[in-house]
Amino acid sequence: MRFAASKCKVLLQDCCDHVDLMLDDVVIEVVDRFVYLGSCIRGGGGGVGNEIEARISKARTVFANLGHLWRQRCISLKLKGRVYKTTIERLIKALEDEHCQYRHESDAKHLLISEINALRTHYDELDDLARQTQAKNNEVGDPTLLRIALEQARKAQSESAFELTKIKTEYVEVVPKKQYENLLKLGKDQENKMKEQEERYAELSDVLK
């Protein structure tokens, strides 16, 4: 078997000292990532994920079976080539389908996390506004500021409820169930905290009337 230095790359894993590797007096290029079976494998200790390991295992099994076929002398080379081609095409198609599924779930998870972070940001802004308004009311006793803050709190609560409903309808069938339930719980916690803020505003409003 011959290797061309121009077609070879090196990916370092958990390596502190870099030593140039040479082939035919040519230094082999070092890369930080490469694509294998449709997935990007990164260097620097990144390793491979469970998704990629599953694909490699599946491909290894298929190629092992093809190796047994190749050693059968009673089968013609033409037939072996046809079996090889058909098997590899089916494997590539199956791996592409799995890759699309994982990518779709990953994208949906990232979108859902973004929505939860947005809800948390809304709550933090509302809580900060409540503290500022309470401090101002303690100093000057102006009920107008309290009414404005209460309206803003109601608006933020309504927007958060709408976003949570949207998350349910769009991602309940896409994100893995366990992750979805955890993220949904975080969203409900944020909604409950916003309701508590609204109740605090209501109590302060009654006191200032």
N, C-alpha and C. Protein backbone atom coordinates (compact mmCIF):
# COMPACT_ATOMS: atom_id res chain seq x y z
N MET A 1 0.85 -1.19 0.00
CA MET A 1 0.00 0.00 0.00
C MET A 1 0.89 1.24 0.00
N ARG A 2 0.55 2.22 -0.85
CA ARG A 2 1.33 3.45 -0.95
C ARG A 2 0.51 4.64 -0.47
N PHE A 3 1.19 5.58 0.16
CA PHE A 3 0.55 6.80 0.66
C PHE A 3 1.23 8.00 0.01
N ALA A 4 0.41 8.94 -0.45
CA ALA A 4 0.93 10.18 -1.01
C ALA A 4 0.92 11.24 0.08
N ALA A 5 2.05 11.88 0.30
CA ALA A 5 2.16 12.88 1.38
C ALA A 5 1.18 14.03 1.17
N SER A 6 0.91 14.38 -0.08
CA SER A 6 -0.01 15.49 -0.36
C SER A 6 -1.45 15.18 0.01
N LYS A 7 -1.77 13.88 0.14
CA LYS A 7 -3.14 13.49 0.46
C LYS A 7 -3.29 13.06 1.91
N CYS A 8 -2.24 13.18 2.70
CA CYS A 8 -2.28 12.76 4.11
C CYS A 8 -2.36 13.98 5.02
N LYS A 9 -3.13 13.85 6.10
CA LYS A 9 -3.25 14.90 7.11
C LYS A 9 -3.04 14.27 8.49
N VAL A 10 -2.69 15.11 9.47
CA VAL A 10 -2.49 14.64 10.84
C VAL A 10 -3.43 15.40 11.76
N LEU A 11 -4.18 14.68 12.60
CA LEU A 11 -5.05 15.28 13.62
C LEU A 11 -4.51 14.88 14.98
N LEU A 12 -4.10 15.86 15.79
CA LEU A 12 -3.50 15.59 17.10
C LEU A 12 -4.58 15.47 18.17
N GLN A 13 -4.45 14.48 19.04
CA GLN A 13 -5.38 14.27 20.14
C GLN A 13 -4.60 14.16 21.43
N ASP A 14 -4.91 15.07 22.40
CA ASP A 14 -4.25 15.03 23.71
C ASP A 14 -2.72 15.01 23.57
N CYS A 15 -2.22 15.88 22.72
CA CYS A 15 -0.78 15.92 22.47
C CYS A 15 -0.24 17.29 22.85
N CYS A 16 0.71 17.33 23.80
CA CYS A 16 1.28 18.60 24.25
C CYS A 16 2.43 19.05 23.35
N ASP A 17 3.32 18.13 23.04
CA ASP A 17 4.49 18.45 22.21
C ASP A 17 4.21 18.08 20.77
N HIS A 18 4.39 19.05 19.89
CA HIS A 18 4.14 18.81 18.47
C HIS A 18 5.43 18.42 17.77
N VAL A 19 5.44 17.27 17.15
CA VAL A 19 6.59 16.81 16.38
C VAL A 19 6.14 16.62 14.94
N ASP A 20 6.86 17.23 14.01
CA ASP A 20 6.51 17.12 12.60
C ASP A 20 6.67 15.69 12.12
N LEU A 21 5.64 15.17 11.46
CA LEU A 21 5.71 13.85 10.86
C LEU A 21 6.03 14.00 9.38
N MET A 22 6.89 13.14 8.88
CA MET A 22 7.34 13.27 7.49
C MET A 22 7.07 11.98 6.73
N LEU A 23 6.77 12.14 5.45
CA LEU A 23 6.55 11.01 4.56
C LEU A 23 7.24 11.34 3.24
N ASP A 24 8.21 10.54 2.87
CA ASP A 24 9.00 10.80 1.65
C ASP A 24 9.64 12.18 1.70
N ASP A 25 10.19 12.52 2.88
CA ASP A 25 10.88 13.81 3.09
C ASP A 25 9.95 15.01 2.96
N VAL A 26 8.65 14.78 3.10
CA VAL A 26 7.66 15.87 3.05
C VAL A 26 6.93 15.91 4.38
N VAL A 27 6.85 17.11 5.00
CA VAL A 27 6.16 17.26 6.28
C VAL A 27 4.65 17.15 6.06
N ILE A 28 4.00 16.28 6.82
CA ILE A 28 2.56 16.08 6.69
C ILE A 28 1.83 17.21 7.39
N GLU A 29 0.83 17.75 6.73
CA GLU A 29 0.08 18.89 7.26
C GLU A 29 -0.72 18.49 8.51
N VAL A 30 -0.70 19.36 9.53
CA VAL A 30 -1.47 19.14 10.76
C VAL A 30 -2.75 19.96 10.69
N VAL A 31 -3.89 19.31 10.93
CA VAL A 31 -5.19 19.99 10.88
C VAL A 31 -5.85 19.91 12.25
N ASP A 32 -6.80 20.82 12.52
CA ASP A 32 -7.49 20.82 13.81
C ASP A 32 -8.83 20.10 13.76
N ARG A 33 -9.24 19.68 12.56
CA ARG A 33 -10.49 18.93 12.44
C ARG A 33 -10.56 18.27 11.06
N PHE A 34 -11.40 17.26 10.95
CA PHE A 34 -11.67 16.67 9.64
C PHE A 34 -13.05 16.03 9.68
N VAL A 35 -13.59 15.78 8.51
CA VAL A 35 -14.94 15.23 8.40
C VAL A 35 -14.84 13.74 8.13
N TYR A 36 -15.58 12.97 8.94
CA TYR A 36 -15.60 11.52 8.77
C TYR A 36 -17.03 11.03 8.91
N LEU A 37 -17.51 10.31 7.89
CA LEU A 37 -18.88 9.79 7.89
C LEU A 37 -19.89 10.90 8.13
N GLY A 38 -19.65 12.06 7.57
CA GLY A 38 -20.62 13.15 7.64
C GLY A 38 -20.56 14.00 8.88
N SER A 39 -19.62 13.72 9.81
CA SER A 39 -19.52 14.50 11.04
C SER A 39 -18.12 15.07 11.19
N CYS A 40 -18.05 16.21 11.85
CA CYS A 40 -16.77 16.90 12.04
C CYS A 40 -16.13 16.43 13.34
N ILE A 41 -14.92 15.89 13.23
CA ILE A 41 -14.15 15.46 14.39
C ILE A 41 -13.06 16.50 14.63
N ARG A 42 -12.99 17.04 15.85
CA ARG A 42 -12.06 18.11 16.16
C ARG A 42 -10.90 17.59 17.00
N GLY A 43 -9.77 18.27 16.87
CA GLY A 43 -8.59 17.91 17.64
C GLY A 43 -8.56 18.67 18.95
N GLY A 44 -7.39 18.70 19.58
CA GLY A 44 -7.23 19.43 20.83
C GLY A 44 -7.97 18.80 21.98
N GLY A 45 -8.10 17.48 21.98
CA GLY A 45 -8.79 16.82 23.08
C GLY A 45 -10.29 16.77 22.92
N GLY A 46 -10.80 17.23 21.74
CA GLY A 46 -12.24 17.24 21.55
C GLY A 46 -12.83 15.85 21.44
N GLY A 47 -12.03 14.92 20.88
CA GLY A 47 -12.50 13.56 20.75
C GLY A 47 -13.68 13.47 19.81
N VAL A 48 -14.39 12.37 19.90
CA VAL A 48 -15.57 12.16 19.06
C VAL A 48 -16.76 11.95 19.97
N GLY A 49 -17.91 12.38 19.51
CA GLY A 49 -19.12 12.25 20.30
C GLY A 49 -19.74 10.88 20.14
N ASN A 50 -20.79 10.63 20.93
CA ASN A 50 -21.48 9.35 20.86
C ASN A 50 -22.06 9.10 19.47
N GLU A 51 -22.52 10.19 18.85
CA GLU A 51 -23.11 10.07 17.52
C GLU A 51 -22.09 9.53 16.52
N ILE A 52 -20.88 10.12 16.54
CA ILE A 52 -19.85 9.71 15.59
C ILE A 52 -19.34 8.31 15.92
N GLU A 53 -19.20 8.00 17.20
CA GLU A 53 -18.75 6.67 17.60
C GLU A 53 -19.72 5.60 17.10
N ALA A 54 -21.03 5.91 17.17
CA ALA A 54 -22.02 4.95 16.69
C ALA A 54 -21.87 4.73 15.19
N ARG A 55 -21.61 5.79 14.44
CA ARG A 55 -21.45 5.66 12.99
C ARG A 55 -20.19 4.86 12.65
N ILE A 56 -19.10 5.16 13.37
CA ILE A 56 -17.86 4.43 13.12
C ILE A 56 -18.05 2.95 13.41
N SER A 57 -18.75 2.63 14.49
CA SER A 57 -19.00 1.23 14.84
C SER A 57 -19.82 0.54 13.75
N LYS A 58 -20.84 1.25 13.26
CA LYS A 58 -21.67 0.66 12.20
C LYS A 58 -20.86 0.44 10.93
N ALA A 59 -20.04 1.43 10.57
CA ALA A 59 -19.22 1.30 9.36
C ALA A 59 -18.18 0.19 9.52
N ARG A 60 -17.61 0.08 10.72
CA ARG A 60 -16.60 -0.96 10.96
C ARG A 60 -17.20 -2.35 10.78
N THR A 61 -18.43 -2.54 11.26
CA THR A 61 -19.09 -3.84 11.11
C THR A 61 -19.32 -4.18 9.64
N VAL A 62 -19.79 -3.17 8.90
CA VAL A 62 -20.06 -3.40 7.47
C VAL A 62 -18.78 -3.75 6.73
N PHE A 63 -17.71 -3.01 6.97
CA PHE A 63 -16.45 -3.26 6.26
C PHE A 63 -15.83 -4.60 6.68
N ALA A 64 -16.06 -5.01 7.92
CA ALA A 64 -15.57 -6.32 8.35
C ALA A 64 -16.27 -7.43 7.58
N ASN A 65 -17.59 -7.29 7.39
CA ASN A 65 -18.33 -8.28 6.61
C ASN A 65 -17.87 -8.30 5.16
N LEU A 66 -17.57 -7.11 4.62
CA LEU A 66 -17.07 -7.06 3.24
C LEU A 66 -15.69 -7.72 3.14
N GLY A 67 -14.90 -7.63 4.21
CA GLY A 67 -13.60 -8.28 4.20
C GLY A 67 -13.73 -9.79 4.10
N HIS A 68 -14.73 -10.34 4.81
CA HIS A 68 -14.97 -11.79 4.71
C HIS A 68 -15.38 -12.16 3.29
N LEU A 69 -16.20 -11.31 2.68
CA LEU A 69 -16.64 -11.57 1.31
C LEU A 69 -15.45 -11.55 0.35
N TRP A 70 -14.56 -10.59 0.53
CA TRP A 70 -13.43 -10.45 -0.39
C TRP A 70 -12.51 -11.67 -0.35
N ARG A 71 -12.44 -12.33 0.79
CA ARG A 71 -11.54 -13.49 0.91
C ARG A 71 -12.14 -14.76 0.32
N GLN A 72 -13.39 -14.72 -0.10
CA GLN A 72 -14.02 -15.89 -0.71
C GLN A 72 -13.54 -16.03 -2.16
N ARG A 73 -12.76 -17.04 -2.44
CA ARG A 73 -12.21 -17.20 -3.79
C ARG A 73 -13.23 -17.76 -4.78
N CYS A 74 -14.29 -18.34 -4.27
CA CYS A 74 -15.28 -18.93 -5.17
C CYS A 74 -16.21 -17.89 -5.78
N ILE A 75 -16.10 -16.64 -5.34
CA ILE A 75 -16.96 -15.57 -5.85
C ILE A 75 -16.14 -14.71 -6.80
N SER A 76 -16.73 -14.37 -7.94
CA SER A 76 -16.01 -13.59 -8.96
C SER A 76 -15.78 -12.16 -8.48
N LEU A 77 -14.73 -11.55 -9.05
CA LEU A 77 -14.42 -10.16 -8.70
C LEU A 77 -15.55 -9.22 -9.10
N LYS A 78 -16.19 -9.50 -10.20
CA LYS A 78 -17.29 -8.65 -10.67
C LYS A 78 -18.43 -8.64 -9.66
N LEU A 79 -18.78 -9.84 -9.16
CA LEU A 79 -19.87 -9.93 -8.18
C LEU A 79 -19.46 -9.27 -6.86
N LYS A 80 -18.20 -9.48 -6.47
CA LYS A 80 -17.73 -8.83 -5.25
C LYS A 80 -17.81 -7.31 -5.37
N GLY A 81 -17.42 -6.79 -6.53
CA GLY A 81 -17.49 -5.35 -6.74
C GLY A 81 -18.90 -4.82 -6.66
N ARG A 82 -19.86 -5.55 -7.23
CA ARG A 82 -21.26 -5.12 -7.18
C ARG A 82 -21.77 -5.13 -5.74
N VAL A 83 -21.41 -6.17 -4.99
CA VAL A 83 -21.84 -6.25 -3.59
C VAL A 83 -21.22 -5.11 -2.78
N TYR A 84 -19.92 -4.87 -3.02
CA TYR A 84 -19.24 -3.76 -2.34
C TYR A 84 -19.97 -2.45 -2.61
N LYS A 85 -20.22 -2.16 -3.87
CA LYS A 85 -20.84 -0.89 -4.25
C LYS A 85 -22.21 -0.73 -3.62
N THR A 86 -23.04 -1.78 -3.70
CA THR A 86 -24.39 -1.71 -3.15
C THR A 86 -24.36 -1.53 -1.63
N THR A 87 -23.49 -2.28 -0.96
CA THR A 87 -23.41 -2.20 0.50
C THR A 87 -22.96 -0.82 0.96
N ILE A 88 -21.95 -0.28 0.31
CA ILE A 88 -21.43 1.03 0.70
C ILE A 88 -22.45 2.13 0.43
N GLU A 89 -23.17 2.03 -0.71
CA GLU A 89 -24.20 3.03 -1.00
C GLU A 89 -25.30 3.02 0.06
N ARG A 90 -25.71 1.82 0.48
CA ARG A 90 -26.73 1.72 1.53
C ARG A 90 -26.21 2.27 2.85
N LEU A 91 -24.95 2.00 3.16
CA LEU A 91 -24.37 2.51 4.41
C LEU A 91 -24.30 4.03 4.39
N ILE A 92 -23.86 4.60 3.27
CA ILE A 92 -23.78 6.06 3.17
C ILE A 92 -25.15 6.69 3.32
N LYS A 93 -26.17 6.09 2.69
CA LYS A 93 -27.53 6.63 2.79
C LYS A 93 -28.03 6.57 4.24
N ALA A 94 -27.78 5.46 4.92
CA ALA A 94 -28.22 5.33 6.31
C ALA A 94 -27.51 6.34 7.21
N LEU A 95 -26.22 6.54 6.98
CA LEU A 95 -25.47 7.49 7.79
C LEU A 95 -25.91 8.92 7.52
N GLU A 96 -26.24 9.23 6.28
CA GLU A 96 -26.74 10.57 5.96
C GLU A 96 -28.07 10.84 6.66
N ASP A 97 -28.95 9.83 6.67
CA ASP A 97 -30.24 9.99 7.35
C ASP A 97 -30.05 10.22 8.84
N GLU A 98 -29.13 9.46 9.45
CA GLU A 98 -28.87 9.65 10.88
C GLU A 98 -28.29 11.03 11.15
N HIS A 99 -27.39 11.47 10.28
CA HIS A 99 -26.79 12.79 10.45
C HIS A 99 -27.85 13.89 10.40
N CYS A 100 -28.78 13.79 9.45
CA CYS A 100 -29.85 14.79 9.34
C CYS A 100 -30.72 14.80 10.60
N GLN A 101 -31.00 13.61 11.13
CA GLN A 101 -31.82 13.53 12.34
C GLN A 101 -31.12 14.18 13.53
N TYR A 102 -29.86 13.84 13.74
CA TYR A 102 -29.11 14.43 14.85
C TYR A 102 -28.99 15.94 14.70
N ARG A 103 -28.74 16.39 13.48
CA ARG A 103 -28.59 17.83 13.25
C ARG A 103 -29.90 18.56 13.52
N HIS A 104 -31.03 17.95 13.11
CA HIS A 104 -32.34 18.57 13.33
C HIS A 104 -32.63 18.68 14.83
N GLU A 105 -32.34 17.61 15.57
CA GLU A 105 -32.57 17.63 17.01
C GLU A 105 -31.64 18.63 17.69
N SER A 106 -30.40 18.70 17.23
CA SER A 106 -29.46 19.64 17.83
C SER A 106 -29.88 21.08 17.59
N ASP A 107 -30.33 21.39 16.36
CA ASP A 107 -30.78 22.75 16.06
C ASP A 107 -32.00 23.11 16.90
N ALA A 108 -32.93 22.17 17.04
CA ALA A 108 -34.13 22.44 17.83
C ALA A 108 -33.77 22.67 19.30
N LYS A 109 -32.80 21.90 19.81
CA LYS A 109 -32.39 22.07 21.20
C LYS A 109 -31.78 23.45 21.42
N HIS A 110 -30.94 23.88 20.47
CA HIS A 110 -30.32 25.20 20.61
C HIS A 110 -31.36 26.31 20.56
N LEU A 111 -32.36 26.16 19.69
CA LEU A 111 -33.42 27.16 19.63
C LEU A 111 -34.21 27.21 20.93
N LEU A 112 -34.49 26.04 21.48
CA LEU A 112 -35.25 25.98 22.72
C LEU A 112 -34.47 26.60 23.87
N ILE A 113 -33.17 26.33 23.93
CA ILE A 113 -32.34 26.93 24.97
C ILE A 113 -32.32 28.45 24.83
N SER A 114 -32.30 28.93 23.59
CA SER A 114 -32.33 30.37 23.37
C SER A 114 -33.62 30.98 23.88
N GLU A 115 -34.74 30.26 23.66
CA GLU A 115 -36.03 30.76 24.14
C GLU A 115 -36.06 30.81 25.67
N ILE A 116 -35.52 29.78 26.31
CA ILE A 116 -35.48 29.75 27.77
C ILE A 116 -34.60 30.88 28.30
N ASN A 117 -33.48 31.11 27.65
CA ASN A 117 -32.60 32.21 28.07
C ASN A 117 -33.29 33.55 27.91
N ALA A 118 -34.10 33.68 26.85
CA ALA A 118 -34.84 34.93 26.66
C ALA A 118 -35.85 35.13 27.78
N LEU A 119 -36.53 34.05 28.19
CA LEU A 119 -37.48 34.14 29.30
C LEU A 119 -36.76 34.54 30.59
N ARG A 120 -35.59 33.97 30.81
CA ARG A 120 -34.83 34.30 32.01
C ARG A 120 -34.40 35.78 31.99
N THR A 121 -34.03 36.26 30.81
CA THR A 121 -33.66 37.67 30.68
C THR A 121 -34.84 38.58 30.97
N HIS A 122 -36.03 38.19 30.46
CA HIS A 122 -37.24 38.97 30.74
C HIS A 122 -37.49 39.05 32.25
N TYR A 123 -37.32 37.91 32.92
CA TYR A 123 -37.55 37.88 34.36
C TYR A 123 -36.56 38.77 35.10
N ASP A 124 -35.27 38.69 34.70
CA ASP A 124 -34.25 39.51 35.36
C ASP A 124 -34.55 41.00 35.18
N GLU A 125 -34.97 41.37 33.97
CA GLU A 125 -35.30 42.78 33.73
C GLU A 125 -36.50 43.21 34.58
N LEU A 126 -37.49 42.32 34.66
CA LEU A 126 -38.68 42.62 35.45
C LEU A 126 -38.34 42.75 36.93
N ASP A 127 -37.50 41.83 37.42
CA ASP A 127 -37.12 41.87 38.82
C ASP A 127 -36.34 43.15 39.14
N ASP A 128 -35.44 43.53 38.23
CA ASP A 128 -34.66 44.76 38.43
C ASP A 128 -35.57 45.98 38.42
N LEU A 129 -36.54 45.98 37.51
CA LEU A 129 -37.48 47.10 37.45
C LEU A 129 -38.32 47.18 38.72
N ALA A 130 -38.70 46.02 39.25
CA ALA A 130 -39.50 45.99 40.48
C ALA A 130 -38.71 46.57 41.66
N ARG A 131 -37.43 46.20 41.74
CA ARG A 131 -36.61 46.72 42.84
C ARG A 131 -36.42 48.23 42.72
N GLN A 132 -36.17 48.70 41.50
CA GLN A 132 -35.99 50.14 41.31
C GLN A 132 -37.26 50.90 41.65
N THR A 133 -38.40 50.37 41.19
CA THR A 133 -39.67 51.04 41.45
C THR A 133 -39.99 51.07 42.94
N GLN A 134 -39.72 49.95 43.62
CA GLN A 134 -39.99 49.89 45.05
C GLN A 134 -39.11 50.89 45.80
N ALA A 135 -37.83 51.00 45.38
CA ALA A 135 -36.93 51.95 46.03
C ALA A 135 -37.40 53.39 45.81
N LYS A 136 -37.84 53.69 44.59
CA LYS A 136 -38.31 55.05 44.31
C LYS A 136 -39.58 55.36 45.09
N ASN A 137 -40.48 54.38 45.19
CA ASN A 137 -41.72 54.61 45.94
C ASN A 137 -41.45 54.79 47.42
N ASN A 138 -40.43 54.09 47.93
CA ASN A 138 -40.09 54.27 49.33
C ASN A 138 -39.55 55.68 49.59
N GLU A 139 -38.91 56.25 48.56
CA GLU A 139 -38.33 57.59 48.72
C GLU A 139 -39.36 58.70 48.50
N VAL A 140 -40.11 58.62 47.41
CA VAL A 140 -41.01 59.73 47.06
C VAL A 140 -42.49 59.37 47.16
N GLY A 141 -42.79 58.06 47.19
CA GLY A 141 -44.19 57.65 47.31
C GLY A 141 -45.04 58.02 46.11
N ASP A 142 -44.52 57.85 44.88
CA ASP A 142 -45.24 58.22 43.67
C ASP A 142 -45.97 56.99 43.11
N PRO A 143 -47.30 56.93 43.18
CA PRO A 143 -48.04 55.77 42.67
C PRO A 143 -48.03 55.67 41.16
N THR A 144 -47.75 56.75 40.46
CA THR A 144 -47.74 56.71 38.99
C THR A 144 -46.65 55.77 38.47
N LEU A 145 -45.47 55.84 39.09
CA LEU A 145 -44.39 54.94 38.68
C LEU A 145 -44.76 53.48 38.91
N LEU A 146 -45.48 53.24 39.99
CA LEU A 146 -45.89 51.87 40.29
C LEU A 146 -46.86 51.35 39.25
N ARG A 147 -47.81 52.19 38.82
CA ARG A 147 -48.77 51.76 37.81
C ARG A 147 -48.06 51.48 36.48
N ILE A 148 -47.08 52.31 36.12
CA ILE A 148 -46.33 52.08 34.89
C ILE A 148 -45.57 50.76 34.96
N ALA A 149 -44.92 50.52 36.09
CA ALA A 149 -44.17 49.28 36.26
C ALA A 149 -45.08 48.07 36.22
N LEU A 150 -46.28 48.21 36.80
CA LEU A 150 -47.23 47.09 36.80
C LEU A 150 -47.66 46.76 35.38
N GLU A 151 -47.90 47.77 34.56
CA GLU A 151 -48.28 47.53 33.17
C GLU A 151 -47.15 46.84 32.41
N GLN A 152 -45.93 47.26 32.67
CA GLN A 152 -44.79 46.63 32.02
C GLN A 152 -44.64 45.18 32.46
N ALA A 153 -44.90 44.92 33.74
CA ALA A 153 -44.81 43.55 34.25
C ALA A 153 -45.86 42.67 33.60
N ARG A 154 -47.08 43.19 33.46
CA ARG A 154 -48.14 42.41 32.82
C ARG A 154 -47.79 42.12 31.36
N LYS A 155 -47.23 43.11 30.67
CA LYS A 155 -46.85 42.92 29.28
C LYS A 155 -45.76 41.86 29.15
N ALA A 156 -44.76 41.93 30.04
CA ALA A 156 -43.68 40.94 30.00
C ALA A 156 -44.20 39.54 30.31
N GLN A 157 -45.13 39.44 31.26
CA GLN A 157 -45.70 38.14 31.61
C GLN A 157 -46.49 37.57 30.44
N SER A 158 -47.23 38.42 29.75
CA SER A 158 -48.01 37.97 28.59
C SER A 158 -47.10 37.49 27.47
N GLU A 159 -46.01 38.22 27.23
CA GLU A 159 -45.06 37.82 26.19
C GLU A 159 -44.40 36.49 26.54
N SER A 160 -44.06 36.31 27.81
CA SER A 160 -43.42 35.06 28.23
C SER A 160 -44.37 33.88 28.08
N ALA A 161 -45.64 34.09 28.42
CA ALA A 161 -46.63 33.01 28.27
C ALA A 161 -46.78 32.63 26.80
N PHE A 162 -46.80 33.63 25.93
CA PHE A 162 -46.90 33.36 24.50
C PHE A 162 -45.69 32.58 24.00
N GLU A 163 -44.49 32.98 24.43
CA GLU A 163 -43.28 32.29 24.01
C GLU A 163 -43.27 30.85 24.50
N LEU A 164 -43.72 30.61 25.72
CA LEU A 164 -43.76 29.26 26.26
C LEU A 164 -44.72 28.38 25.47
N THR A 165 -45.88 28.92 25.10
CA THR A 165 -46.84 28.17 24.29
C THR A 165 -46.24 27.85 22.92
N LYS A 166 -45.53 28.80 22.36
CA LYS A 166 -44.89 28.60 21.06
C LYS A 166 -43.84 27.50 21.14
N ILE A 167 -43.08 27.48 22.23
CA ILE A 167 -42.07 26.44 22.42
C ILE A 167 -42.72 25.07 22.48
N LYS A 168 -43.83 24.96 23.19
CA LYS A 168 -44.53 23.67 23.30
C LYS A 168 -44.92 23.14 21.93
N THR A 169 -45.58 24.00 21.14
CA THR A 169 -46.12 23.55 19.86
C THR A 169 -45.04 23.25 18.84
N GLU A 170 -43.92 23.96 18.88
CA GLU A 170 -42.90 23.80 17.84
C GLU A 170 -41.90 22.70 18.14
N TYR A 171 -41.60 22.45 19.42
CA TYR A 171 -40.47 21.58 19.72
C TYR A 171 -40.81 20.33 20.54
N VAL A 172 -42.06 20.15 20.93
CA VAL A 172 -42.38 19.00 21.78
C VAL A 172 -42.12 17.68 21.07
N GLU A 173 -42.22 17.63 19.72
CA GLU A 173 -42.02 16.39 19.00
C GLU A 173 -40.61 16.29 18.41
N VAL A 174 -39.77 17.29 18.64
CA VAL A 174 -38.45 17.30 18.03
C VAL A 174 -37.36 17.06 19.06
N VAL A 175 -37.39 17.81 20.17
CA VAL A 175 -36.37 17.70 21.20
C VAL A 175 -36.58 16.41 21.99
N PRO A 176 -35.51 15.67 22.31
CA PRO A 176 -35.65 14.48 23.14
C PRO A 176 -36.47 14.77 24.40
N LYS A 177 -37.33 13.81 24.79
CA LYS A 177 -38.32 14.05 25.82
C LYS A 177 -37.72 14.54 27.13
N LYS A 178 -36.62 13.92 27.57
CA LYS A 178 -36.04 14.29 28.86
C LYS A 178 -35.54 15.73 28.83
N GLN A 179 -34.85 16.10 27.74
CA GLN A 179 -34.35 17.47 27.63
C GLN A 179 -35.50 18.45 27.54
N TYR A 180 -36.54 18.07 26.80
CA TYR A 180 -37.69 18.97 26.66
C TYR A 180 -38.35 19.22 28.01
N GLU A 181 -38.53 18.15 28.81
CA GLU A 181 -39.17 18.31 30.12
C GLU A 181 -38.35 19.21 31.03
N ASN A 182 -37.02 19.05 31.00
CA ASN A 182 -36.18 19.90 31.84
C ASN A 182 -36.27 21.36 31.43
N LEU A 183 -36.22 21.60 30.12
CA LEU A 183 -36.30 22.98 29.64
C LEU A 183 -37.69 23.56 29.87
N LEU A 184 -38.72 22.72 29.73
CA LEU A 184 -40.08 23.19 29.98
C LEU A 184 -40.25 23.58 31.45
N LYS A 185 -39.65 22.81 32.36
CA LYS A 185 -39.71 23.14 33.78
C LYS A 185 -39.05 24.48 34.06
N LEU A 186 -37.89 24.73 33.40
CA LEU A 186 -37.24 26.03 33.57
C LEU A 186 -38.14 27.16 33.10
N GLY A 187 -38.82 26.94 31.98
CA GLY A 187 -39.73 27.97 31.48
C GLY A 187 -40.87 28.23 32.43
N LYS A 188 -41.44 27.17 33.02
CA LYS A 188 -42.53 27.35 33.97
C LYS A 188 -42.06 28.06 35.24
N ASP A 189 -40.83 27.74 35.65
CA ASP A 189 -40.29 28.43 36.83
C ASP A 189 -40.18 29.93 36.57
N GLN A 190 -39.72 30.28 35.37
CA GLN A 190 -39.62 31.70 35.04
C GLN A 190 -41.01 32.35 35.02
N GLU A 191 -41.99 31.61 34.52
CA GLU A 191 -43.35 32.17 34.47
C GLU A 191 -43.89 32.37 35.89
N ASN A 192 -43.63 31.40 36.78
CA ASN A 192 -44.10 31.53 38.16
C ASN A 192 -43.43 32.72 38.86
N LYS A 193 -42.14 32.92 38.58
CA LYS A 193 -41.45 34.05 39.19
C LYS A 193 -42.04 35.37 38.71
N MET A 194 -42.42 35.42 37.44
CA MET A 194 -43.02 36.65 36.92
C MET A 194 -44.39 36.90 37.56
N LYS A 195 -45.12 35.81 37.81
CA LYS A 195 -46.41 35.97 38.49
C LYS A 195 -46.21 36.50 39.91
N GLU A 196 -45.15 36.01 40.56
CA GLU A 196 -44.86 36.52 41.91
C GLU A 196 -44.56 38.01 41.87
N GLN A 197 -43.83 38.45 40.84
CA GLN A 197 -43.54 39.87 40.70
C GLN A 197 -44.83 40.68 40.50
N GLU A 198 -45.74 40.13 39.73
CA GLU A 198 -47.00 40.84 39.50
C GLU A 198 -47.80 40.95 40.80
N GLU A 199 -47.76 39.88 41.61
CA GLU A 199 -48.46 39.93 42.89
C GLU A 199 -47.81 40.97 43.81
N ARG A 200 -46.48 41.07 43.74
CA ARG A 200 -45.79 42.09 44.56
C ARG A 200 -46.21 43.49 44.15
N TYR A 201 -46.33 43.70 42.85
CA TYR A 201 -46.79 44.99 42.36
C TYR A 201 -48.21 45.29 42.83
N ALA A 202 -49.05 44.25 42.78
CA ALA A 202 -50.43 44.45 43.21
C ALA A 202 -50.50 44.83 44.69
N GLU A 203 -49.68 44.15 45.51
CA GLU A 203 -49.67 44.47 46.93
C GLU A 203 -49.18 45.90 47.18
N LEU A 204 -48.11 46.28 46.48
CA LEU A 204 -47.61 47.65 46.64
C LEU A 204 -48.63 48.68 46.16
N SER A 205 -49.34 48.34 45.11
CA SER A 205 -50.36 49.26 44.60
C SER A 205 -51.47 49.47 45.61
N ASP A 206 -51.89 48.37 46.27
CA ASP A 206 -52.94 48.49 47.29
C ASP A 206 -52.47 49.34 48.46
N VAL A 207 -51.19 49.20 48.81
CA VAL A 207 -50.68 49.97 49.95
C VAL A 207 -50.66 51.46 49.64
N LEU A 208 -50.33 51.80 48.41
CA LEU A 208 -50.19 53.21 48.04
C LEU A 208 -51.51 53.89 47.71
N LYS A 209 -52.59 53.13 47.57
CA LYS A 209 -53.89 53.75 47.26
C LYS A 209 -54.42 54.56 48.45
